[in-house]
Amino acid sequence: MSMTGFGAAQLELHGRSVRVECKSVNHRTLEVRVHAARELRWLEPHVLRAARARLGRGRVDVRLELGAAVERQGGFDAIDAARFDEVAGRLRELSEASLGSGTVTLSDVLAYRSHFERDDAERFDESALDALLPAVEQALDRLQAARRSEGAGIDDDLRGHLRDLGARIEQVDALDEDERPAYRSRIETRLRQAVSDFGVGQLDEERLAQELAYVAERGDISEELQRARSHVERLGQVLDEAGEDGVGKKIDFYLQELIREVNTMGSKGHLAAQSDLVVEMKSIIEKMREQSANVA
């Protein structure tokens, strides 16, 4: 699963539009930040719990916004109709008692709007949780779906790189296998020539065998090849675990182990063709490390 994605959801509540947006980017751990309108700040702990239940890694920003009032059939939900009638009725009573006339205009009533307008903080308190939380969860689910979709593309890339890497490991092994006898023969010829050039005398065949074994061991990359194969195999298994938490960290670990083995092959190798393959393998591993940084 990728760590980057976006998800959103929207609903209408109490005559206001409520929009939830979730976006995430790469981060080594899970960090959730909630940006909420003043009336919705109490939702933060609920958002944090919902996000942590769904996501493993990434920096996630959740934004909760209240839109402008929406006109609905029957008036605005922001107006308490019963209180409006009470204010209008009381004004008519006072008008009749003081002025002898019960005429009251809308402007007269609106002068006391604070008595019949609902306060957003009152309407969007925890009593609205059952309506608001599903929208938050829907936005997080859409974010998760987007992360999975992008993760599928990353998975394809990583598997392609892994196949290329495995193929080059086998090419290095084939070159080493073909060249090993010739390499030993060249070393033996050089040692005999050196003894002859410096006039050391009779060559000690046992000592020569020891030196050849020592030089051959220094150039032997069979253990590095075997460990590299093992890491490639394990990486394939890790990719099959896609969707589990911590997969990105596992991938990065095995890539670090692979680069260590490849570097050792490069230092021990004695063929130009092997050196070229080592450079290619390093390039492939670096591409995989760049991609693994996006994996949750």
C-alpha atoms as a PDB file:
ATOM      1  CA  MET A   1       0.000   0.000   0.000  1.00  0.00           C
ATOM      2  CA  SER A   2       1.243   3.457  -0.881  1.00  0.00           C
ATOM      3  CA  MET A   3       1.481   6.218   1.701  1.00  0.00           C
ATOM      4  CA  THR A   4       0.191   8.919  -0.648  1.00  0.00           C
ATOM      5  CA  GLY A   5      -3.455   9.430  -1.479  1.00  0.00           C
ATOM      6  CA  PHE A   6      -6.567  11.565  -1.129  1.00  0.00           C
ATOM      7  CA  GLY A   7     -10.133  10.974  -0.018  1.00  0.00           C
ATOM      8  CA  ALA A   8     -13.122  13.227   0.646  1.00  0.00           C
ATOM      9  CA  ALA A   9     -16.745  13.072   1.761  1.00  0.00           C
ATOM     10  CA  GLN A  10     -19.509  15.624   2.224  1.00  0.00           C
ATOM     11  CA  LEU A  11     -22.884  15.875   3.913  1.00  0.00           C
ATOM     12  CA  GLU A  12     -25.477  18.467   4.808  1.00  0.00           C
ATOM     13  CA  LEU A  13     -26.368  18.923   8.461  1.00  0.00           C
ATOM     14  CA  HIS A  14     -28.413  21.593  10.218  1.00  0.00           C
ATOM     15  CA  GLY A  15     -28.554  23.642   7.048  1.00  0.00           C
ATOM     16  CA  ARG A  16     -24.780  23.689   6.633  1.00  0.00           C
ATOM     17  CA  SER A  17     -22.538  21.707   4.307  1.00  0.00           C
ATOM     18  CA  VAL A  18     -19.816  19.713   6.071  1.00  0.00           C
ATOM     19  CA  ARG A  19     -16.814  18.596   3.997  1.00  0.00           C
ATOM     20  CA  VAL A  20     -14.147  16.150   5.146  1.00  0.00           C
ATOM     21  CA  GLU A  21     -10.870  15.937   3.193  1.00  0.00           C
ATOM     22  CA  CYS A  22      -8.053  13.491   3.941  1.00  0.00           C
ATOM     23  CA  LYS A  23      -4.662  13.457   2.245  1.00  0.00           C
ATOM     24  CA  SER A  24      -1.463  11.641   3.127  1.00  0.00           C
ATOM     25  CA  VAL A  25       2.199  11.732   2.147  1.00  0.00           C
ATOM     26  CA  ASN A  26       5.279   9.696   3.044  1.00  0.00           C
ATOM     27  CA  HIS A  27       6.409   9.510   6.656  1.00  0.00           C
ATOM     28  CA  ARG A  28       8.359   6.883   8.585  1.00  0.00           C
ATOM     29  CA  THR A  29       5.561   6.566  11.174  1.00  0.00           C
ATOM     30  CA  LEU A  30       1.861   7.435  11.335  1.00  0.00           C
ATOM     31  CA  GLU A  31       1.259  11.104  12.075  1.00  0.00           C
ATOM     32  CA  VAL A  32      -2.331  12.385  11.899  1.00  0.00           C
ATOM     33  CA  ARG A  33      -3.063  16.111  11.998  1.00  0.00           C
ATOM     34  CA  VAL A  34      -6.624  17.403  12.257  1.00  0.00           C
ATOM     35  CA  HIS A  35      -7.591  20.853  11.002  1.00  0.00           C
ATOM     36  CA  ALA A  36     -11.170  21.604  12.010  1.00  0.00           C
ATOM     37  CA  ALA A  37     -13.552  24.535  12.044  1.00  0.00           C
ATOM     38  CA  ARG A  38     -14.102  25.888  15.549  1.00  0.00           C
ATOM     39  CA  GLU A  39     -17.474  24.175  15.841  1.00  0.00           C
ATOM     40  CA  LEU A  40     -15.993  20.782  14.920  1.00  0.00           C
ATOM     41  CA  ARG A  41     -12.784  20.691  16.959  1.00  0.00           C
ATOM     42  CA  TRP A  42     -14.323  18.311  19.470  1.00  0.00           C
ATOM     43  CA  LEU A  43     -14.282  15.680  16.678  1.00  0.00           C
ATOM     44  CA  GLU A  44     -10.468  15.425  16.732  1.00  0.00           C
ATOM     45  CA  PRO A  45     -10.121  12.403  19.088  1.00  0.00           C
ATOM     46  CA  HIS A  46     -12.743  10.509  17.073  1.00  0.00           C
ATOM     47  CA  VAL A  47     -10.875  11.304  13.834  1.00  0.00           C
ATOM     48  CA  LEU A  48      -7.577  10.155  15.343  1.00  0.00           C
ATOM     49  CA  ARG A  49      -9.061   6.820  16.441  1.00  0.00           C
ATOM     50  CA  ALA A  50     -10.647   6.224  13.036  1.00  0.00           C
ATOM     51  CA  ALA A  51      -7.402   7.040  11.192  1.00  0.00           C
ATOM     52  CA  ARG A  52      -5.217   4.864  13.422  1.00  0.00           C
ATOM     53  CA  ALA A  53      -7.596   1.953  12.962  1.00  0.00           C
ATOM     54  CA  ARG A  54      -7.131   2.113   9.190  1.00  0.00           C
ATOM     55  CA  LEU A  55      -3.624   3.391   8.448  1.00  0.00           C
ATOM     56  CA  GLY A  56      -0.152   2.179   9.349  1.00  0.00           C
ATOM     57  CA  ARG A  57       2.285   4.836   8.131  1.00  0.00           C
ATOM     58  CA  GLY A  58       2.250   8.286   6.551  1.00  0.00           C
ATOM     59  CA  ARG A  59       1.635  11.905   7.461  1.00  0.00           C
ATOM     60  CA  VAL A  60      -2.144  12.317   7.228  1.00  0.00           C
ATOM     61  CA  ASP A  61      -3.947  15.655   7.191  1.00  0.00           C
ATOM     62  CA  VAL A  62      -7.680  15.610   7.890  1.00  0.00           C
ATOM     63  CA  ARG A  63      -9.569  18.826   7.221  1.00  0.00           C
ATOM     64  CA  LEU A  64     -13.112  19.434   8.497  1.00  0.00           C
ATOM     65  CA  GLU A  65     -14.836  22.442   6.972  1.00  0.00           C
ATOM     66  CA  LEU A  66     -18.265  24.016   7.430  1.00  0.00           C
ATOM     67  CA  GLY A  67     -19.778  25.579   4.337  1.00  0.00           C
ATOM     68  CA  ALA A  68     -22.262  28.409   4.041  1.00  0.00           C
ATOM     69  CA  ALA A  69     -25.840  27.938   5.189  1.00  0.00           C
ATOM     70  CA  VAL A  70     -27.972  26.004   2.705  1.00  0.00           C
ATOM     71  CA  GLU A  71     -31.559  27.135   2.099  1.00  0.00           C
ATOM     72  CA  ARG A  72     -34.005  24.330   2.626  1.00  0.00           C
ATOM     73  CA  GLN A  73     -37.723  23.862   2.067  1.00  0.00           C
ATOM     74  CA  GLY A  74     -39.538  25.418   4.984  1.00  0.00           C
ATOM     75  CA  GLY A  75     -36.823  27.979   5.754  1.00  0.00           C
ATOM     76  CA  PHE A  76     -33.369  27.905   7.212  1.00  0.00           C
ATOM     77  CA  ASP A  77     -32.462  25.305   9.769  1.00  0.00           C
ATOM     78  CA  ALA A  78     -30.429  28.009  11.501  1.00  0.00           C
ATOM     79  CA  ILE A  79     -33.698  29.588  12.697  1.00  0.00           C
ATOM     80  CA  ASP A  80     -35.595  28.085  15.593  1.00  0.00           C
ATOM     81  CA  ALA A  81     -39.174  28.519  14.359  1.00  0.00           C
ATOM     82  CA  ALA A  82     -40.743  28.147  17.804  1.00  0.00           C
ATOM     83  CA  ARG A  83     -38.509  30.840  19.302  1.00  0.00           C
ATOM     84  CA  PHE A  84     -39.181  33.096  16.301  1.00  0.00           C
ATOM     85  CA  ASP A  85     -42.936  32.826  16.968  1.00  0.00           C
ATOM     86  CA  GLU A  86     -42.371  33.515  20.656  1.00  0.00           C
ATOM     87  CA  VAL A  87     -40.379  36.688  19.895  1.00  0.00           C
ATOM     88  CA  ALA A  88     -42.958  37.910  17.354  1.00  0.00           C
ATOM     89  CA  GLY A  89     -45.843  37.185  19.710  1.00  0.00           C
ATOM     90  CA  ARG A  90     -44.198  38.958  22.623  1.00  0.00           C
ATOM     91  CA  LEU A  91     -43.462  42.002  20.451  1.00  0.00           C
ATOM     92  CA  ARG A  92     -47.132  42.127  19.363  1.00  0.00           C
ATOM     93  CA  GLU A  93     -48.256  41.982  22.998  1.00  0.00           C
ATOM     94  CA  LEU A  94     -45.929  44.802  23.962  1.00  0.00           C
ATOM     95  CA  SER A  95     -46.965  46.843  20.938  1.00  0.00           C
ATOM     96  CA  GLU A  96     -50.674  46.499  21.790  1.00  0.00           C
ATOM     97  CA  ALA A  97     -50.070  47.279  25.447  1.00  0.00           C
ATOM     98  CA  SER A  98     -47.906  50.329  24.839  1.00  0.00           C
ATOM     99  CA  LEU A  99     -49.031  51.690  21.468  1.00  0.00           C
ATOM    100  CA  GLY A 100     -52.520  50.318  21.121  1.00  0.00           C
ATOM    101  CA  SER A 101     -51.560  48.502  17.927  1.00  0.00           C
ATOM    102  CA  GLY A 102     -50.373  44.905  17.419  1.00  0.00           C
ATOM    103  CA  THR A 103     -48.577  45.609  14.158  1.00  0.00           C
ATOM    104  CA  VAL A 104     -45.080  44.079  14.122  1.00  0.00           C
ATOM    105  CA  THR A 105     -42.820  43.975  11.039  1.00  0.00           C
ATOM    106  CA  LEU A 106     -40.102  41.450  10.128  1.00  0.00           C
ATOM    107  CA  SER A 107     -37.503  44.133  10.767  1.00  0.00           C
ATOM    108  CA  ASP A 108     -38.860  44.504  14.297  1.00  0.00           C
ATOM    109  CA  VAL A 109     -38.470  40.751  14.902  1.00  0.00           C
ATOM    110  CA  LEU A 110     -34.972  40.560  13.320  1.00  0.00           C
ATOM    111  CA  ALA A 111     -33.747  43.131  15.816  1.00  0.00           C
ATOM    112  CA  TYR A 112     -33.990  40.266  18.345  1.00  0.00           C
ATOM    113  CA  ARG A 113     -32.473  37.582  16.103  1.00  0.00           C
ATOM    114  CA  SER A 114     -30.052  36.453  18.808  1.00  0.00           C
ATOM    115  CA  HIS A 115     -33.074  35.003  20.629  1.00  0.00           C
ATOM    116  CA  PHE A 116     -34.171  32.664  17.818  1.00  0.00           C
ATOM    117  CA  GLU A 117     -31.020  31.940  15.771  1.00  0.00           C
ATOM    118  CA  ARG A 118     -29.356  28.659  16.616  1.00  0.00           C
ATOM    119  CA  ASP A 119     -25.670  28.856  17.442  1.00  0.00           C
ATOM    120  CA  ASP A 120     -23.478  26.550  15.308  1.00  0.00           C
ATOM    121  CA  ALA A 121     -21.522  25.447  18.342  1.00  0.00           C
ATOM    122  CA  GLU A 122     -24.811  24.358  19.894  1.00  0.00           C
ATOM    123  CA  ARG A 123     -25.997  22.507  16.795  1.00  0.00           C
ATOM    124  CA  PHE A 124     -22.665  20.851  15.981  1.00  0.00           C
ATOM    125  CA  ASP A 125     -21.875  19.479  19.419  1.00  0.00           C
ATOM    126  CA  GLU A 126     -21.353  15.780  20.258  1.00  0.00           C
ATOM    127  CA  SER A 127     -25.025  15.127  19.673  1.00  0.00           C
ATOM    128  CA  ALA A 128     -24.107  15.307  15.946  1.00  0.00           C
ATOM    129  CA  LEU A 129     -21.450  12.564  16.241  1.00  0.00           C
ATOM    130  CA  ASP A 130     -23.623   9.839  14.710  1.00  0.00           C
ATOM    131  CA  ALA A 131     -24.132  12.007  11.628  1.00  0.00           C
ATOM    132  CA  LEU A 132     -20.576  13.352  11.300  1.00  0.00           C
ATOM    133  CA  LEU A 133     -18.443  10.289  12.088  1.00  0.00           C
ATOM    134  CA  PRO A 134     -19.672   8.236   9.081  1.00  0.00           C
ATOM    135  CA  ALA A 135     -18.527  11.058   6.778  1.00  0.00           C
ATOM    136  CA  VAL A 136     -15.106  11.052   8.418  1.00  0.00           C
ATOM    137  CA  GLU A 137     -14.878   7.262   8.052  1.00  0.00           C
ATOM    138  CA  GLN A 138     -16.000   7.456   4.412  1.00  0.00           C
ATOM    139  CA  ALA A 139     -13.285  10.010   3.600  1.00  0.00           C
ATOM    140  CA  LEU A 140     -10.663   7.828   5.346  1.00  0.00           C
ATOM    141  CA  ASP A 141     -11.886   4.729   3.501  1.00  0.00           C
ATOM    142  CA  ARG A 142     -11.585   6.580   0.192  1.00  0.00           C
ATOM    143  CA  LEU A 143      -8.084   7.696   1.168  1.00  0.00           C
ATOM    144  CA  GLN A 144      -7.196   4.096   1.947  1.00  0.00           C
ATOM    145  CA  ALA A 145      -8.622   2.938  -1.389  1.00  0.00           C
ATOM    146  CA  ALA A 146      -6.527   5.562  -3.206  1.00  0.00           C
ATOM    147  CA  ARG A 147      -3.425   4.417  -1.327  1.00  0.00           C
ATOM    148  CA  ARG A 148      -4.140   0.799  -2.289  1.00  0.00           C
ATOM    149  CA  SER A 149      -4.600   1.742  -5.938  1.00  0.00           C
ATOM    150  CA  GLU A 150      -1.305   3.614  -6.070  1.00  0.00           C
ATOM    151  CA  GLY A 151       0.327   0.816  -4.086  1.00  0.00           C
ATOM    152  CA  ALA A 152      -0.656  -1.698  -6.770  1.00  0.00           C
ATOM    153  CA  GLY A 153       1.358   0.289  -9.325  1.00  0.00           C
ATOM    154  CA  ILE A 154       4.344   0.467  -6.975  1.00  0.00           C
ATOM    155  CA  ASP A 155       4.082  -3.286  -6.398  1.00  0.00           C
ATOM    156  CA  ASP A 156       4.267  -3.939 -10.158  1.00  0.00           C
ATOM    157  CA  ASP A 157       7.357  -1.725 -10.447  1.00  0.00           C
ATOM    158  CA  LEU A 158       9.099  -3.391  -7.503  1.00  0.00           C
ATOM    159  CA  ARG A 159       8.416  -6.876  -8.832  1.00  0.00           C
ATOM    160  CA  GLY A 160       9.794  -5.889 -12.240  1.00  0.00           C
ATOM    161  CA  HIS A 161      12.955  -4.505 -10.647  1.00  0.00           C
ATOM    162  CA  LEU A 162      13.262  -7.629  -8.517  1.00  0.00           C
ATOM    163  CA  ARG A 163      13.147  -9.862 -11.605  1.00  0.00           C
ATOM    164  CA  ASP A 164      15.842  -7.741 -13.253  1.00  0.00           C
ATOM    165  CA  LEU A 165      17.977  -7.939 -10.137  1.00  0.00           C
ATOM    166  CA  GLY A 166      17.624 -11.713  -9.903  1.00  0.00           C
ATOM    167  CA  ALA A 167      18.587 -12.083 -13.567  1.00  0.00           C
ATOM    168  CA  ARG A 168      21.776 -10.060 -13.065  1.00  0.00           C
ATOM    169  CA  ILE A 169      22.749 -12.066 -10.002  1.00  0.00           C
ATOM    170  CA  GLU A 170      22.589 -15.193 -12.143  1.00  0.00           C
ATOM    171  CA  GLN A 171      24.653 -13.501 -14.863  1.00  0.00           C
ATOM    172  CA  VAL A 172      27.340 -12.594 -12.326  1.00  0.00           C
ATOM    173  CA  ASP A 173      27.342 -16.185 -11.059  1.00  0.00           C
ATOM    174  CA  ALA A 174      27.637 -17.578 -14.599  1.00  0.00           C
ATOM    175  CA  LEU A 175      30.587 -15.306 -15.367  1.00  0.00           C
ATOM    176  CA  ASP A 176      32.261 -16.258 -12.109  1.00  0.00           C
ATOM    177  CA  GLU A 177      31.756 -19.977 -12.764  1.00  0.00           C
ATOM    178  CA  ASP A 178      33.168 -19.775 -16.299  1.00  0.00           C
ATOM    179  CA  GLU A 179      36.104 -17.592 -15.332  1.00  0.00           C
ATOM    180  CA  ARG A 180      37.202 -19.251 -12.080  1.00  0.00           C
ATOM    181  CA  PRO A 181      39.610 -21.864 -13.582  1.00  0.00           C
ATOM    182  CA  ALA A 182      41.119 -19.297 -15.969  1.00  0.00           C
ATOM    183  CA  TYR A 183      41.509 -16.798 -13.109  1.00  0.00           C
ATOM    184  CA  ARG A 184      43.329 -19.374 -10.971  1.00  0.00           C
ATOM    185  CA  SER A 185      45.564 -20.262 -13.918  1.00  0.00           C
ATOM    186  CA  ARG A 186      46.462 -16.593 -14.501  1.00  0.00           C
ATOM    187  CA  ILE A 187      47.347 -16.102 -10.836  1.00  0.00           C
ATOM    188  CA  GLU A 188      49.525 -19.220 -10.858  1.00  0.00           C
ATOM    189  CA  THR A 189      51.334 -18.039 -14.002  1.00  0.00           C
ATOM    190  CA  ARG A 190      51.976 -14.616 -12.452  1.00  0.00           C
ATOM    191  CA  LEU A 191      53.311 -16.108  -9.241  1.00  0.00           C
ATOM    192  CA  ARG A 192      55.669 -18.451 -11.107  1.00  0.00           C
ATOM    193  CA  GLN A 193      56.852 -15.574 -13.295  1.00  0.00           C
ATOM    194  CA  ALA A 194      57.465 -13.420 -10.222  1.00  0.00           C
ATOM    195  CA  VAL A 195      59.541 -16.151  -8.580  1.00  0.00           C
ATOM    196  CA  SER A 196      61.559 -16.526 -11.781  1.00  0.00           C
ATOM    197  CA  ASP A 197      62.056 -12.770 -12.241  1.00  0.00           C
ATOM    198  CA  PHE A 198      63.360 -12.280  -8.718  1.00  0.00           C
ATOM    199  CA  GLY A 199      65.564 -15.363  -8.832  1.00  0.00           C
ATOM    200  CA  VAL A 200      64.160 -16.810  -5.648  1.00  0.00           C
ATOM    201  CA  GLY A 201      65.249 -20.330  -6.564  1.00  0.00           C
ATOM    202  CA  GLN A 202      63.241 -23.515  -6.538  1.00  0.00           C
ATOM    203  CA  LEU A 203      59.525 -22.914  -6.201  1.00  0.00           C
ATOM    204  CA  ASP A 204      57.840 -24.469  -3.195  1.00  0.00           C
ATOM    205  CA  GLU A 205      54.761 -26.112  -4.719  1.00  0.00           C
ATOM    206  CA  GLU A 206      53.030 -26.448  -1.351  1.00  0.00           C
ATOM    207  CA  ARG A 207      53.516 -22.755  -0.628  1.00  0.00           C
ATOM    208  CA  LEU A 208      52.304 -21.944  -4.143  1.00  0.00           C
ATOM    209  CA  ALA A 209      49.136 -23.952  -3.517  1.00  0.00           C
ATOM    210  CA  GLN A 210      48.542 -22.057  -0.272  1.00  0.00           C
ATOM    211  CA  GLU A 211      48.975 -18.693  -1.966  1.00  0.00           C
ATOM    212  CA  LEU A 212      46.669 -19.687  -4.803  1.00  0.00           C
ATOM    213  CA  ALA A 213      44.038 -20.827  -2.319  1.00  0.00           C
ATOM    214  CA  TYR A 214      44.375 -17.547  -0.415  1.00  0.00           C
ATOM    215  CA  VAL A 215      44.030 -15.415  -3.544  1.00  0.00           C
ATOM    216  CA  ALA A 216      41.138 -17.537  -4.824  1.00  0.00           C
ATOM    217  CA  GLU A 217      39.341 -17.187  -1.491  1.00  0.00           C
ATOM    218  CA  ARG A 218      39.729 -13.410  -1.547  1.00  0.00           C
ATOM    219  CA  GLY A 219      38.089 -13.324  -4.972  1.00  0.00           C
ATOM    220  CA  ASP A 220      35.371 -15.886  -4.175  1.00  0.00           C
ATOM    221  CA  ILE A 221      31.890 -14.323  -4.276  1.00  0.00           C
ATOM    222  CA  SER A 222      29.856 -17.523  -3.946  1.00  0.00           C
ATOM    223  CA  GLU A 223      28.664 -16.649  -0.429  1.00  0.00           C
ATOM    224  CA  GLU A 224      27.648 -13.150  -1.486  1.00  0.00           C
ATOM    225  CA  LEU A 225      25.740 -14.586  -4.445  1.00  0.00           C
ATOM    226  CA  GLN A 226      23.919 -17.061  -2.229  1.00  0.00           C
ATOM    227  CA  ARG A 227      22.945 -14.404   0.304  1.00  0.00           C
ATOM    228  CA  ALA A 228      21.824 -12.069  -2.484  1.00  0.00           C
ATOM    229  CA  ARG A 229      19.591 -14.809  -3.906  1.00  0.00           C
ATOM    230  CA  SER A 230      18.145 -15.369  -0.445  1.00  0.00           C
ATOM    231  CA  HIS A 231      17.380 -11.659  -0.032  1.00  0.00           C
ATOM    232  CA  VAL A 232      15.717 -11.504  -3.454  1.00  0.00           C
ATOM    233  CA  GLU A 233      13.546 -14.505  -2.573  1.00  0.00           C
ATOM    234  CA  ARG A 234      12.580 -12.983   0.777  1.00  0.00           C
ATOM    235  CA  LEU A 235      11.748  -9.667  -0.898  1.00  0.00           C
ATOM    236  CA  GLY A 236       9.332 -11.486  -3.183  1.00  0.00           C
ATOM    237  CA  GLN A 237       7.636 -12.970  -0.107  1.00  0.00           C
ATOM    238  CA  VAL A 238       7.450  -9.535   1.529  1.00  0.00           C
ATOM    239  CA  LEU A 239       5.758  -8.106  -1.563  1.00  0.00           C
ATOM    240  CA  ASP A 240       3.176 -10.879  -1.253  1.00  0.00           C
ATOM    241  CA  GLU A 241       2.392  -9.450   2.189  1.00  0.00           C
ATOM    242  CA  ALA A 242       1.280  -6.151   0.623  1.00  0.00           C
ATOM    243  CA  GLY A 243      -1.402  -4.498   2.722  1.00  0.00           C
ATOM    244  CA  GLU A 244       0.157  -5.432   6.063  1.00  0.00           C
ATOM    245  CA  ASP A 245       1.631  -2.742   8.266  1.00  0.00           C
ATOM    246  CA  GLY A 246       5.404  -2.360   8.162  1.00  0.00           C
ATOM    247  CA  VAL A 247       5.931  -3.840   4.672  1.00  0.00           C
ATOM    248  CA  GLY A 248       7.849  -0.737   3.554  1.00  0.00           C
ATOM    249  CA  LYS A 249      10.297  -1.097   6.458  1.00  0.00           C
ATOM    250  CA  LYS A 250      10.864  -4.770   5.636  1.00  0.00           C
ATOM    251  CA  ILE A 251      11.545  -3.953   1.991  1.00  0.00           C
ATOM    252  CA  ASP A 252      14.034  -1.266   2.974  1.00  0.00           C
ATOM    253  CA  PHE A 253      15.836  -3.672   5.326  1.00  0.00           C
ATOM    254  CA  TYR A 254      16.368  -6.324   2.645  1.00  0.00           C
ATOM    255  CA  LEU A 255      17.451  -3.713   0.122  1.00  0.00           C
ATOM    256  CA  GLN A 256      20.120  -2.529   2.555  1.00  0.00           C
ATOM    257  CA  GLU A 257      21.324  -6.114   2.905  1.00  0.00           C
ATOM    258  CA  LEU A 258      21.364  -6.513  -0.878  1.00  0.00           C
ATOM    259  CA  ILE A 259      23.423  -3.383  -1.460  1.00  0.00           C
ATOM    260  CA  ARG A 260      25.935  -4.671   1.084  1.00  0.00           C
ATOM    261  CA  GLU A 261      26.319  -7.966  -0.796  1.00  0.00           C
ATOM    262  CA  VAL A 262      26.530  -6.244  -4.177  1.00  0.00           C
ATOM    263  CA  ASN A 263      29.217  -3.854  -2.904  1.00  0.00           C
ATOM    264  CA  THR A 264      31.255  -6.829  -1.697  1.00  0.00           C
ATOM    265  CA  MET A 265      30.870  -8.493  -5.092  1.00  0.00           C
ATOM    266  CA  GLY A 266      32.177  -5.325  -6.692  1.00  0.00           C
ATOM    267  CA  SER A 267      35.227  -5.179  -4.429  1.00  0.00           C
ATOM    268  CA  LYS A 268      36.054  -8.865  -4.961  1.00  0.00           C
ATOM    269  CA  GLY A 269      35.243  -9.068  -8.654  1.00  0.00           C
ATOM    270  CA  HIS A 270      38.057  -9.245 -11.193  1.00  0.00           C
ATOM    271  CA  LEU A 271      36.147  -9.055 -14.480  1.00  0.00           C
ATOM    272  CA  ALA A 272      35.040  -5.924 -16.291  1.00  0.00           C
ATOM    273  CA  ALA A 273      31.762  -7.620 -17.254  1.00  0.00           C
ATOM    274  CA  GLN A 274      31.087  -8.391 -13.596  1.00  0.00           C
ATOM    275  CA  SER A 275      31.810  -4.787 -12.657  1.00  0.00           C
ATOM    276  CA  ASP A 276      29.284  -3.608 -15.240  1.00  0.00           C
ATOM    277  CA  LEU A 277      26.653  -5.947 -13.782  1.00  0.00           C
ATOM    278  CA  VAL A 278      27.425  -4.711 -10.266  1.00  0.00           C
ATOM    279  CA  VAL A 279      26.808  -1.125 -11.406  1.00  0.00           C
ATOM    280  CA  GLU A 280      23.493  -2.173 -12.959  1.00  0.00           C
ATOM    281  CA  MET A 281      22.450  -4.001  -9.780  1.00  0.00           C
ATOM    282  CA  LYS A 282      23.227  -0.935  -7.665  1.00  0.00           C
ATOM    283  CA  SER A 283      21.085   1.167  -9.987  1.00  0.00           C
ATOM    284  CA  ILE A 284      18.180  -1.288  -9.726  1.00  0.00           C
ATOM    285  CA  ILE A 285      18.421  -1.384  -5.920  1.00  0.00           C
ATOM    286  CA  GLU A 286      18.455   2.412  -5.730  1.00  0.00           C
ATOM    287  CA  LYS A 287      15.277   2.569  -7.837  1.00  0.00           C
ATOM    288  CA  MET A 288      13.672   0.032  -5.523  1.00  0.00           C
ATOM    289  CA  ARG A 289      14.677   2.059  -2.468  1.00  0.00           C
ATOM    290  CA  GLU A 290      13.086   5.149  -3.944  1.00  0.00           C
ATOM    291  CA  GLN A 291       9.878   3.226  -4.536  1.00  0.00           C
ATOM    292  CA  SER A 292       9.916   1.514  -1.132  1.00  0.00           C
ATOM    293  CA  ALA A 293       9.934   4.956   0.515  1.00  0.00           C
ATOM    294  CA  ASN A 294       6.317   5.262  -0.693  1.00  0.00           C
ATOM    295  CA  VAL A 295       5.190   1.943   0.800  1.00  0.00           C
ATOM    296  CA  ALA A 296       3.308   1.921   4.092  1.00  0.00           C
END
